[in-house]
Amino acid sequence: MSKTLVVGYFGYCTNQLDGQTVKTRGVYRLVREQVEGEVDYYDTENIKYHRLGIVKLLWKMICCRILFYLPAQNNLKSFFPLVFCLSVVFRFKIHYFVVGGWLKEFLLEMPVHRFMLKRIAGIHVETQRLENELKQYYHFQNVDIFPNFRFFEFDSERFNSRKLRLVFMARVNKMKGLDWIFNLADYIAKNKLQDKFSITFLGPVSEDDRTFFEENITKYPFVDYMGILQPSEIYNTISQYDVMLFPTHYYFTEGLPVSVVDAYISGIPVIVTEWKHSHEFVEDGQSGFIIPFENGQQKLIDKVMLLEKDRRLLHTMQANALIKRKEFQPPILDRITSFVRDNMLRICFISRVEQSKGLDTLVEVSKCLCAAGLSKMVKIDFYGQKKDDYFDIYLSDNPMFEYKGELQPSEVVLTLKQYDVLIFPSHYEGEGCPGILVEALSVGLPIIASNWKYNDEFIIDGVNGFLCDTFNAKSYLKAIEVILFDKHLRLQMSKHAYWMSEYYSVEYVKHRLQGYVGNSINLN
């Protein structure tokens, strides 16, 4: 039986919770849910306390077929060469999941590591910029984006307050921007604005900075430290605040901070410094504010004061944060792990199964696919009530097509998650606003649809799907070819599909209404 092994710093021995351990645990859970066969793990923290643990780790590697590897810098520097040699001898594939944004700088003086990394199965980075750098500077061809993510089932609920409630959640050390936050507190105190603000710190305190932190936090009655949150407590707690502060002084090493992800999931915007990858994750003025990395103290103060005065802007940014959180849901990952999936493009059609819904167009599309030599790489499954005999007469004998029957409403979303693309080639004269398009967006499914009636209100051509010439089979062929062969674009379309779906969510509409009418209406 094929065995998959996940190796990284899980932090189980000391229950350490930070960006490294959270991502490592998340990848392990994702692998258990998506990869067939036996899945095992090894927590490298064990080696600190059990020296013979290295023997156990090496044995597990020798016995695995696929290794998911999440090293920190020291591990990559000293241990990876041995891991690579073992992979050559014992023939297991290495998939390296990068935590943070430091790899390009790390490899500058590491020619041996560059040689080895070029030859592993995959390097999965958190940011577009790092992917581009590794390809441009080192000519890596085995790099893709594997964004940071969270497992969550959480509906944000606004907790209104006359105060602007600011929160910091990360490792509590100076390099995460403590000095700027305390300077902000000093400004608030000197201007006698204590009644308008509160500042809360959450996270483990660095021993090196404990004295500095404790001396400063006692100066201000509106500043509190509330300890370390357990994962199950994060979203319910963070959603009680208005804005996340993250003025990090780490320029290169920050990739996608989990603090930013947790803020979006909780429905609050962020104020961050302009670290190397910040613009990939924060839309300045929309989901938060980006302030200068150097000499940005006054900008931090200005943005906080602006949000305290302009509550409509704050509510709009909170709604935008809810939209952003769609980018960090685990289902996105299933579409870029090509080592888990085969090369078949799985397309679903969910609607009434009749000619006017585009079945005639799909007959011609199948001919184009056959002519292009792609017929064995594409499968289209049909769901819905048959309203005429068109499928049975013209499509049933085609091995590319399969009729799967009718779906109950509760089965639609689960079914959509099994596919790569929804196809909707309708030319029905009475077409309105098809609900299936919204449901496809909600699970991050790109859509290939006819440019018919109101479809362009759901699909931005080339962004979250393709709008095709309604009766032009070659137009559909081109869209299918792009999605089939460009996995990176497919991922980006999936992310934008999530983003678009939030405009149709109950949470978004509720937040927008509350932003318009303030506290005078209760929508719960």
Protein backbone atom coordinates (compact mmCIF):
# COMPACT_ATOMS: atom_id res chain seq x y z
CA MET A 1 0.00 0.00 0.00
CA SER A 2 1.29 3.47 -0.88
CA LYS A 3 2.33 5.44 2.19
CA THR A 4 2.46 9.21 2.50
CA LEU A 5 4.58 10.80 5.23
CA VAL A 6 4.28 14.38 6.51
CA VAL A 7 7.43 15.67 8.26
CA GLY A 8 7.63 19.04 9.98
CA TYR A 9 7.56 20.97 13.22
CA PHE A 10 4.12 20.10 14.62
CA GLY A 11 4.95 21.41 18.11
CA TYR A 12 2.91 18.73 19.87
CA CYS A 13 5.46 18.20 22.66
CA THR A 14 5.11 21.76 23.99
CA ASN A 15 1.79 22.62 22.31
CA GLN A 16 3.55 25.43 20.47
CA LEU A 17 1.22 27.45 18.24
CA ASP A 18 2.73 29.69 15.57
CA GLY A 19 2.74 30.01 11.81
CA GLN A 20 5.05 27.02 11.33
CA THR A 21 3.13 24.59 13.54
CA VAL A 22 -0.31 25.71 12.37
CA LYS A 23 0.57 25.20 8.71
CA THR A 24 2.27 21.85 9.36
CA ARG A 25 -0.77 20.54 11.21
CA GLY A 26 -3.06 21.89 8.50
CA VAL A 27 -1.16 20.16 5.70
CA TYR A 28 -1.25 16.88 7.63
CA ARG A 29 -5.01 17.12 8.06
CA LEU A 30 -5.43 18.00 4.39
CA VAL A 31 -3.35 15.02 3.32
CA ARG A 32 -5.36 12.66 5.55
CA GLU A 33 -8.59 13.92 3.97
CA GLN A 34 -7.50 13.96 0.32
CA VAL A 35 -4.80 11.34 -0.23
CA GLU A 36 -5.68 7.67 -0.55
CA GLY A 37 -3.66 5.04 1.31
CA GLU A 38 -1.80 5.14 4.61
CA VAL A 39 -0.82 8.58 5.93
CA ASP A 40 1.74 9.01 8.72
CA TYR A 41 3.58 11.95 10.28
CA TYR A 42 6.69 12.79 12.26
CA ASP A 43 7.02 15.81 14.56
CA THR A 44 10.63 17.04 14.36
CA GLU A 45 10.25 18.65 17.80
CA ASN A 46 10.59 15.10 19.18
CA ILE A 47 14.28 15.09 18.27
CA LYS A 48 14.94 17.79 20.91
CA TYR A 49 13.76 15.46 23.65
CA HIS A 50 14.48 11.99 22.20
CA ARG A 51 17.79 11.81 20.35
CA LEU A 52 17.04 8.35 19.01
CA GLY A 53 13.97 9.84 17.37
CA ILE A 54 16.14 10.59 14.34
CA VAL A 55 16.40 6.84 13.71
CA LYS A 56 12.61 6.52 13.76
CA LEU A 57 12.30 9.45 11.38
CA LEU A 58 14.78 7.98 8.90
CA TRP A 59 13.01 4.62 8.97
CA LYS A 60 9.65 6.27 8.24
CA MET A 61 11.19 8.09 5.28
CA ILE A 62 12.70 4.92 3.87
CA CYS A 63 9.29 3.22 4.02
CA CYS A 64 7.24 6.04 2.44
CA ARG A 65 6.44 6.64 -1.21
CA ILE A 66 5.58 10.35 -0.96
CA LEU A 67 7.13 12.78 1.54
CA PHE A 68 5.43 16.07 2.37
CA TYR A 69 8.26 18.10 3.88
CA LEU A 70 7.81 21.35 5.87
CA PRO A 71 11.24 22.37 7.19
CA ALA A 72 12.27 25.62 8.85
CA GLN A 73 15.56 27.21 7.72
CA ASN A 74 17.90 25.21 9.97
CA ASN A 75 16.25 21.95 9.01
CA LEU A 76 16.47 22.77 5.31
CA LYS A 77 20.11 23.76 5.62
CA SER A 78 21.44 20.81 7.62
CA PHE A 79 18.97 17.93 7.19
CA PHE A 80 17.59 18.27 3.67
CA PRO A 81 20.75 16.96 1.91
CA LEU A 82 20.34 13.66 3.77
CA VAL A 83 16.62 13.57 2.95
CA PHE A 84 17.38 14.15 -0.73
CA CYS A 85 19.97 11.36 -0.83
CA LEU A 86 17.53 8.96 0.81
CA SER A 87 14.88 9.87 -1.77
CA VAL A 88 17.27 8.97 -4.59
CA VAL A 89 18.23 5.62 -3.05
CA PHE A 90 14.78 4.56 -1.83
CA ARG A 91 12.77 6.24 -4.60
CA PHE A 92 10.26 8.36 -2.72
CA LYS A 93 8.99 11.69 -4.01
CA ILE A 94 9.59 14.89 -2.04
CA HIS A 95 7.07 17.71 -1.98
CA TYR A 96 8.54 20.69 -0.14
CA PHE A 97 5.97 23.09 1.33
CA VAL A 98 7.61 26.45 2.00
CA VAL A 99 6.58 28.29 5.16
CA GLY A 100 7.30 32.01 4.80
CA GLY A 101 8.89 34.07 2.05
CA TRP A 102 12.63 33.65 2.68
CA LEU A 103 13.66 30.89 0.27
CA LYS A 104 15.04 33.06 -2.53
CA GLU A 105 17.47 34.87 -0.21
CA PHE A 106 18.35 31.63 1.59
CA LEU A 107 19.46 29.94 -1.64
CA LEU A 108 21.77 32.73 -2.83
CA GLU A 109 24.87 31.05 -1.35
CA MET A 110 23.55 27.47 -1.47
CA PRO A 111 24.46 25.96 -4.88
CA VAL A 112 24.22 22.36 -3.63
CA HIS A 113 20.74 22.99 -2.21
CA ARG A 114 19.68 24.60 -5.48
CA PHE A 115 20.89 21.53 -7.38
CA MET A 116 18.90 19.20 -5.14
CA LEU A 117 15.73 21.29 -4.97
CA LYS A 118 15.54 21.41 -8.77
CA ARG A 119 15.24 17.65 -8.77
CA ILE A 120 12.48 17.02 -6.24
CA ALA A 121 8.85 16.46 -7.21
CA GLY A 122 7.53 19.85 -6.16
CA ILE A 123 8.25 23.11 -4.35
CA HIS A 124 5.02 24.66 -3.12
CA VAL A 125 5.28 28.32 -2.09
CA GLU A 126 2.83 30.71 -0.47
CA THR A 127 3.22 33.73 -2.76
CA GLN A 128 3.23 34.58 -6.45
CA ARG A 129 6.33 36.73 -6.02
CA LEU A 130 8.38 33.89 -4.54
CA GLU A 131 7.26 31.54 -7.32
CA ASN A 132 8.40 34.07 -9.92
CA GLU A 133 11.73 34.64 -8.15
CA LEU A 134 12.58 30.95 -7.94
CA LYS A 135 11.81 30.50 -11.63
CA GLN A 136 13.62 33.67 -12.71
CA TYR A 137 16.75 33.54 -10.52
CA TYR A 138 17.28 29.78 -10.23
CA HIS A 139 15.31 28.44 -13.23
CA PHE A 140 13.25 26.07 -11.09
CA GLN A 141 10.53 24.37 -13.12
CA ASN A 142 8.91 22.43 -10.26
CA VAL A 143 7.40 25.39 -8.39
CA ASP A 144 3.75 26.25 -7.86
CA ILE A 145 1.62 28.17 -5.38
CA PHE A 146 0.20 26.36 -2.39
CA PRO A 147 -1.37 29.21 -0.40
CA ASN A 148 -1.66 29.31 3.36
CA PHE A 149 -5.08 28.13 4.48
CA ARG A 150 -7.31 27.33 7.42
CA PHE A 151 -10.05 24.82 8.15
CA PHE A 152 -13.03 26.77 9.38
CA GLU A 153 -16.78 26.75 9.62
CA PHE A 154 -17.46 30.15 11.07
CA ASP A 155 -20.08 32.81 10.36
CA SER A 156 -18.87 36.21 11.43
CA GLU A 157 -21.17 38.24 13.66
CA ARG A 158 -20.62 41.93 14.27
CA PHE A 159 -20.16 43.06 17.89
CA ASN A 160 -20.80 46.80 17.85
CA SER A 161 -19.03 49.12 20.26
CA ARG A 162 -18.43 52.83 20.59
CA LYS A 163 -14.74 52.07 20.98
CA LEU A 164 -12.48 51.06 18.13
CA ARG A 165 -11.19 47.69 19.33
CA LEU A 166 -7.71 46.92 18.04
CA VAL A 167 -6.13 43.48 18.35
CA PHE A 168 -2.67 42.03 17.78
CA MET A 169 -2.37 38.24 17.49
CA ALA A 170 1.03 36.73 16.74
CA ARG A 171 4.25 35.96 18.54
CA VAL A 172 4.64 38.83 20.99
CA ASN A 173 8.12 40.12 20.19
CA LYS A 174 9.63 43.41 19.10
CA MET A 175 10.17 42.30 15.52
CA LYS A 176 6.43 41.85 15.10
CA GLY A 177 5.99 45.59 15.67
CA LEU A 178 5.43 45.96 19.43
CA ASP A 179 7.27 49.28 19.47
CA TRP A 180 4.91 50.83 16.91
CA ILE A 181 1.83 49.60 18.74
CA PHE A 182 3.05 51.02 22.05
CA ASN A 183 3.87 54.31 20.29
CA LEU A 184 0.27 54.29 19.04
CA ALA A 185 -0.91 53.74 22.62
CA ASP A 186 1.27 56.64 23.74
CA TYR A 187 -0.33 58.90 21.13
CA ILE A 188 -3.81 57.87 22.29
CA ALA A 189 -2.94 58.56 25.92
CA LYS A 190 -1.28 61.93 25.27
CA ASN A 191 -4.29 63.10 23.26
CA LYS A 192 -6.72 61.85 25.94
CA LEU A 193 -8.48 59.46 23.56
CA GLN A 194 -8.52 56.50 25.96
CA ASP A 195 -12.32 56.28 25.90
CA LYS A 196 -12.33 55.76 22.13
CA PHE A 197 -9.87 52.87 21.84
CA SER A 198 -8.84 49.53 23.28
CA ILE A 199 -5.77 47.49 22.33
CA THR A 200 -5.49 43.76 23.06
CA PHE A 201 -2.47 41.49 22.62
CA LEU A 202 -2.87 37.76 22.00
CA GLY A 203 -0.13 35.19 21.54
CA PRO A 204 2.96 33.67 23.16
CA VAL A 205 5.37 36.21 24.66
CA SER A 206 9.01 35.94 23.61
CA GLU A 207 11.24 35.53 26.66
CA ASP A 208 13.80 37.90 25.13
CA ASP A 209 11.19 40.67 24.99
CA ARG A 210 9.09 39.84 28.04
CA THR A 211 10.51 42.64 30.21
CA PHE A 212 10.00 45.24 27.48
CA PHE A 213 6.44 44.04 26.88
CA GLU A 214 5.37 43.89 30.52
CA GLU A 215 6.86 47.29 31.35
CA ASN A 216 4.99 48.95 28.50
CA ILE A 217 1.64 47.22 28.82
CA THR A 218 1.23 48.42 32.41
CA LYS A 219 1.51 52.07 31.31
CA TYR A 220 -1.87 52.15 29.57
CA PRO A 221 -5.19 51.14 31.17
CA PHE A 222 -6.77 50.59 27.73
CA VAL A 223 -4.11 48.02 26.71
CA ASP A 224 -4.47 44.35 27.76
CA TYR A 225 -2.73 41.03 27.29
CA MET A 226 -5.20 38.13 27.06
CA GLY A 227 -2.82 35.18 26.69
CA ILE A 228 -2.70 32.44 24.08
CA LEU A 229 -5.78 31.28 22.21
CA GLN A 230 -6.45 27.66 21.40
CA PRO A 231 -7.29 27.06 17.72
CA SER A 232 -10.96 26.49 18.54
CA GLU A 233 -11.17 29.91 20.22
CA ILE A 234 -9.57 32.07 17.55
CA TYR A 235 -12.46 33.14 15.32
CA ASN A 236 -15.07 33.68 18.03
CA THR A 237 -12.53 35.84 19.87
CA ILE A 238 -11.08 37.82 16.97
CA SER A 239 -14.53 38.63 15.58
CA GLN A 240 -15.21 40.67 18.72
CA TYR A 241 -12.62 43.23 17.56
CA ASP A 242 -12.68 45.77 14.76
CA VAL A 243 -9.16 45.81 13.29
CA MET A 244 -6.08 43.55 13.35
CA LEU A 245 -2.72 45.30 13.80
CA PHE A 246 0.27 43.58 12.21
CA PRO A 247 3.13 46.11 11.83
CA THR A 248 5.81 43.44 11.34
CA HIS A 249 9.49 44.35 11.00
CA TYR A 250 10.26 41.07 9.22
CA TYR A 251 10.63 42.01 5.56
CA PHE A 252 11.85 38.82 3.86
CA THR A 253 10.75 36.03 6.17
CA GLU A 254 7.03 36.81 6.29
CA GLY A 255 5.17 34.84 3.64
CA LEU A 256 1.43 34.82 4.28
CA PRO A 257 1.06 35.43 8.04
CA VAL A 258 -1.64 33.33 9.68
CA SER A 259 -2.61 36.47 11.61
CA VAL A 260 -3.84 38.03 8.37
CA VAL A 261 -5.71 34.86 7.39
CA ASP A 262 -7.35 34.63 10.82
CA ALA A 263 -8.39 38.28 10.63
CA TYR A 264 -10.13 37.77 7.29
CA ILE A 265 -11.87 34.59 8.44
CA SER A 266 -13.09 36.49 11.52
CA GLY A 267 -14.36 39.32 9.32
CA ILE A 268 -12.02 42.15 10.34
CA PRO A 269 -9.59 44.19 8.20
CA VAL A 270 -5.87 44.50 8.86
CA ILE A 271 -3.31 47.28 9.14
CA VAL A 272 0.09 45.92 8.11
CA THR A 273 3.53 47.15 7.20
CA GLU A 274 4.66 46.77 3.61
CA TRP A 275 6.63 43.56 3.98
CA LYS A 276 7.89 41.88 0.83
CA HIS A 277 4.70 40.00 -0.05
CA SER A 278 2.10 42.27 1.57
CA HIS A 279 0.40 43.44 -1.63
CA GLU A 280 -0.50 39.87 -2.59
CA PHE A 281 -2.71 39.49 0.47
CA VAL A 282 -3.89 42.95 1.49
CA GLU A 283 -5.84 45.18 -0.88
CA ASP A 284 -4.83 48.60 0.34
CA GLY A 285 -7.93 50.60 1.22
CA GLN A 286 -10.22 47.59 0.67
CA SER A 287 -9.41 44.68 3.00
CA GLY A 288 -7.03 46.76 5.10
CA PHE A 289 -4.26 49.34 4.96
CA ILE A 290 -0.61 48.90 4.02
CA ILE A 291 1.72 51.38 5.71
CA PRO A 292 5.41 52.02 4.86
CA PHE A 293 7.78 49.35 6.13
CA GLU A 294 10.19 52.01 7.33
CA ASN A 295 9.10 55.29 8.92
CA GLY A 296 5.48 54.18 8.91
CA GLN A 297 4.65 55.02 12.52
CA GLN A 298 2.67 58.15 11.71
CA LYS A 299 0.76 56.35 8.96
CA LEU A 300 -0.24 53.68 11.46
CA ILE A 301 -1.62 56.36 13.76
CA ASP A 302 -3.38 58.11 10.87
CA LYS A 303 -5.12 54.95 9.64
CA VAL A 304 -6.30 54.00 13.13
CA MET A 305 -7.72 57.50 13.66
CA LEU A 306 -9.42 57.38 10.26
CA LEU A 307 -11.22 54.13 11.05
CA GLU A 308 -12.35 55.42 14.43
CA LYS A 309 -13.97 58.43 12.77
CA ASP A 310 -15.34 56.77 9.62
CA ARG A 311 -17.42 53.79 10.74
CA ARG A 312 -18.98 53.33 7.32
CA LEU A 313 -15.51 52.81 5.86
CA LEU A 314 -14.78 50.36 8.69
CA HIS A 315 -17.94 48.37 7.97
CA THR A 316 -17.14 48.27 4.25
CA MET A 317 -13.66 46.98 4.97
CA GLN A 318 -15.08 44.35 7.32
CA ALA A 319 -17.37 43.16 4.53
CA ASN A 320 -14.39 43.05 2.17
CA ALA A 321 -12.47 40.97 4.72
CA LEU A 322 -15.25 38.39 4.56
CA ILE A 323 -14.79 38.26 0.80
CA LYS A 324 -11.04 37.75 1.15
CA ARG A 325 -11.46 34.80 3.49
CA LYS A 326 -12.80 32.73 0.61
CA GLU A 327 -9.24 32.60 -0.74
CA PHE A 328 -8.01 30.57 2.23
CA GLN A 329 -10.45 27.67 2.33
CA PRO A 330 -8.94 24.17 1.96
CA PRO A 331 -10.92 23.12 -1.15
CA ILE A 332 -8.68 25.39 -3.21
CA LEU A 333 -5.76 23.10 -2.50
CA ASP A 334 -7.36 20.05 -4.07
CA ARG A 335 -7.08 21.68 -7.49
CA ILE A 336 -3.33 22.31 -7.41
CA THR A 337 -2.13 19.04 -5.89
CA SER A 338 -1.56 17.38 -9.25
CA PHE A 339 0.32 14.61 -7.48
CA VAL A 340 -3.01 13.56 -5.92
CA ARG A 341 -5.18 13.95 -9.01
CA ASP A 342 -4.77 12.46 -12.49
CA ASN A 343 -4.69 14.50 -15.70
CA MET A 344 -8.38 14.08 -16.54
CA LEU A 345 -10.37 17.33 -16.60
CA ARG A 346 -13.65 16.61 -14.83
CA ILE A 347 -16.49 18.84 -16.03
CA CYS A 348 -20.04 18.84 -14.73
CA PHE A 349 -23.28 20.06 -16.27
CA ILE A 350 -26.03 20.70 -13.70
CA SER A 351 -29.28 22.05 -15.09
CA ARG A 352 -32.30 20.85 -17.00
CA VAL A 353 -31.00 18.33 -19.52
CA GLU A 354 -32.49 19.65 -22.76
CA GLN A 355 -31.36 21.04 -26.08
CA SER A 356 -31.93 24.71 -25.19
CA LYS A 357 -29.53 24.39 -22.25
CA GLY A 358 -26.73 23.87 -24.76
CA LEU A 359 -26.66 20.13 -25.38
CA ASP A 360 -26.50 20.77 -29.12
CA THR A 361 -23.45 22.96 -28.59
CA LEU A 362 -21.76 20.27 -26.50
CA VAL A 363 -22.18 17.74 -29.31
CA GLU A 364 -20.11 20.05 -31.52
CA VAL A 365 -17.62 20.68 -28.69
CA SER A 366 -17.03 16.93 -28.39
CA LYS A 367 -16.18 16.79 -32.10
CA CYS A 368 -13.65 19.60 -31.65
CA LEU A 369 -12.09 17.82 -28.68
CA CYS A 370 -11.75 14.62 -30.69
CA ALA A 371 -10.14 16.50 -33.58
CA ALA A 372 -7.67 18.07 -31.13
CA GLY A 373 -6.79 14.67 -29.64
CA LEU A 374 -8.23 15.58 -26.23
CA SER A 375 -11.24 13.29 -26.05
CA LYS A 376 -9.60 10.98 -23.49
CA MET A 377 -8.56 13.89 -21.27
CA VAL A 378 -12.02 15.40 -20.76
CA LYS A 379 -15.09 13.89 -19.07
CA ILE A 380 -18.46 15.68 -18.84
CA ASP A 381 -21.08 14.38 -16.42
CA PHE A 382 -24.70 15.53 -16.66
CA TYR A 383 -27.08 16.04 -13.73
CA GLY A 384 -30.67 17.19 -13.93
CA GLN A 385 -34.13 16.34 -15.15
CA LYS A 386 -34.39 15.28 -18.77
CA LYS A 387 -36.94 17.53 -20.45
CA ASP A 388 -36.59 16.14 -23.98
CA ASP A 389 -34.95 13.22 -25.80
CA TYR A 390 -31.94 15.16 -27.06
CA PHE A 391 -29.39 13.59 -24.69
CA ASP A 392 -30.56 10.03 -25.40
CA ILE A 393 -30.49 10.57 -29.16
CA TYR A 394 -27.29 12.57 -29.66
CA LEU A 395 -25.09 12.26 -26.55
CA SER A 396 -25.70 8.92 -24.82
CA ASP A 397 -23.36 6.91 -27.09
CA ASN A 398 -20.45 9.32 -26.65
CA PRO A 399 -17.95 7.98 -24.03
CA MET A 400 -17.06 11.56 -23.14
CA PHE A 401 -20.59 12.13 -21.78
CA GLU A 402 -22.40 10.37 -18.95
CA TYR A 403 -25.83 11.07 -17.52
CA LYS A 404 -25.78 10.75 -13.71
CA GLY A 405 -29.42 11.42 -12.88
CA GLU A 406 -31.19 14.08 -10.84
CA LEU A 407 -29.83 15.71 -7.68
CA GLN A 408 -31.56 16.66 -4.47
CA PRO A 409 -30.85 20.27 -3.38
CA SER A 410 -28.69 19.02 -0.51
CA GLU A 411 -26.52 17.06 -2.95
CA VAL A 412 -25.60 19.91 -5.30
CA VAL A 413 -22.67 21.43 -3.40
CA LEU A 414 -21.15 18.05 -2.54
CA THR A 415 -21.38 17.06 -6.19
CA LEU A 416 -19.78 20.28 -7.44
CA LYS A 417 -16.78 19.69 -5.18
CA GLN A 418 -15.94 16.53 -7.12
CA TYR A 419 -15.27 18.47 -10.33
CA ASP A 420 -12.77 20.89 -11.84
CA VAL A 421 -15.15 23.01 -13.93
CA LEU A 422 -18.86 23.71 -14.38
CA ILE A 423 -20.03 24.06 -17.97
CA PHE A 424 -23.18 26.07 -18.70
CA PRO A 425 -23.68 26.52 -22.47
CA SER A 426 -27.32 27.60 -22.25
CA HIS A 427 -29.12 29.46 -25.01
CA TYR A 428 -32.52 29.18 -23.32
CA GLU A 429 -34.58 32.28 -24.13
CA GLY A 430 -36.11 32.45 -20.66
CA GLU A 431 -32.78 32.24 -18.80
CA GLY A 432 -32.68 34.52 -15.77
CA CYS A 433 -30.07 34.39 -13.02
CA PRO A 434 -29.11 30.70 -12.74
CA GLY A 435 -28.63 29.62 -9.14
CA ILE A 436 -26.19 26.90 -10.16
CA LEU A 437 -23.66 29.58 -11.08
CA VAL A 438 -23.73 30.98 -7.54
CA GLU A 439 -23.38 27.50 -6.06
CA ALA A 440 -20.41 26.75 -8.32
CA LEU A 441 -18.70 29.97 -7.25
CA SER A 442 -19.30 29.09 -3.59
CA VAL A 443 -17.07 26.00 -3.89
CA GLY A 444 -14.43 27.73 -6.00
CA LEU A 445 -15.38 26.10 -9.27
CA PRO A 446 -14.41 27.96 -12.46
CA ILE A 447 -17.26 28.23 -14.96
CA ILE A 448 -17.28 27.88 -18.74
CA ALA A 449 -20.53 29.44 -19.93
CA SER A 450 -22.24 30.94 -22.92
CA ASN A 451 -22.15 34.72 -23.20
CA TRP A 452 -25.93 34.69 -22.93
CA LYS A 453 -28.47 36.81 -21.05
CA TYR A 454 -27.14 37.58 -17.52
CA ASN A 455 -24.22 35.14 -17.35
CA ASP A 456 -21.73 38.01 -17.52
CA GLU A 457 -22.95 39.22 -14.12
CA PHE A 458 -21.54 36.06 -12.55
CA ILE A 459 -18.53 35.39 -14.74
CA ILE A 460 -15.66 37.75 -15.51
CA ASP A 461 -14.10 36.37 -18.67
CA GLY A 462 -10.61 35.04 -17.97
CA VAL A 463 -10.87 35.76 -14.24
CA ASN A 464 -13.23 33.24 -12.63
CA GLY A 465 -14.14 31.40 -15.81
CA PHE A 466 -14.74 31.93 -19.50
CA LEU A 467 -17.61 33.45 -21.45
CA CYS A 468 -17.83 31.73 -24.83
CA ASP A 469 -19.56 32.65 -28.07
CA THR A 470 -22.90 30.99 -27.48
CA PHE A 471 -23.06 28.73 -30.54
CA ASN A 472 -19.33 28.56 -31.33
CA ALA A 473 -17.90 25.16 -30.38
CA LYS A 474 -14.32 26.31 -31.03
CA SER A 475 -14.77 29.03 -28.42
CA TYR A 476 -15.59 26.36 -25.84
CA LEU A 477 -12.68 24.21 -27.05
CA LYS A 478 -10.25 27.07 -26.46
CA ALA A 479 -11.57 27.61 -22.92
CA ILE A 480 -11.33 23.89 -22.10
CA GLU A 481 -7.78 23.70 -23.46
CA VAL A 482 -6.62 26.63 -21.33
CA ILE A 483 -8.09 25.20 -18.12
CA LEU A 484 -6.82 21.70 -18.93
CA PHE A 485 -3.20 22.68 -19.46
CA ASP A 486 -2.74 25.81 -17.33
CA LYS A 487 -3.08 24.56 -13.75
CA HIS A 488 -1.83 27.84 -12.33
CA LEU A 489 -4.59 29.77 -14.09
CA ARG A 490 -7.10 27.17 -12.90
CA LEU A 491 -6.00 27.86 -9.33
CA GLN A 492 -6.31 31.61 -9.82
CA MET A 493 -9.78 31.20 -11.31
CA SER A 494 -10.76 29.02 -8.37
CA LYS A 495 -9.62 31.70 -5.94
CA HIS A 496 -11.54 34.39 -7.81
CA ALA A 497 -14.62 32.18 -7.88
CA TYR A 498 -14.54 32.06 -4.08
CA TRP A 499 -14.04 35.80 -4.01
CA MET A 500 -17.05 36.41 -6.26
CA SER A 501 -19.32 34.09 -4.29
CA GLU A 502 -19.13 36.23 -1.17
CA TYR A 503 -21.19 38.92 -2.93
CA TYR A 504 -24.13 36.52 -2.77
CA SER A 505 -23.65 35.37 0.83
CA VAL A 506 -25.97 36.16 3.73
CA GLU A 507 -23.03 37.41 5.80
CA TYR A 508 -21.97 39.93 3.17
CA VAL A 509 -25.46 41.31 2.63
CA LYS A 510 -25.98 41.58 6.39
CA HIS A 511 -22.72 43.47 6.87
CA ARG A 512 -23.55 45.85 4.03
CA LEU A 513 -26.98 46.60 5.48
CA GLN A 514 -25.52 47.18 8.92
CA GLY A 515 -23.02 49.54 7.37
CA TYR A 516 -25.85 51.57 5.86
CA VAL A 517 -28.17 51.73 8.84
CA GLY A 518 -25.69 51.53 11.75
CA ASN A 519 -26.83 50.03 15.01
CA SER A 520 -30.50 50.84 14.62
CA ILE A 521 -31.39 47.46 13.13
CA ASN A 522 -30.82 43.95 14.37
CA LEU A 523 -30.48 41.51 11.47
CA ASN A 524 -29.84 38.38 13.52
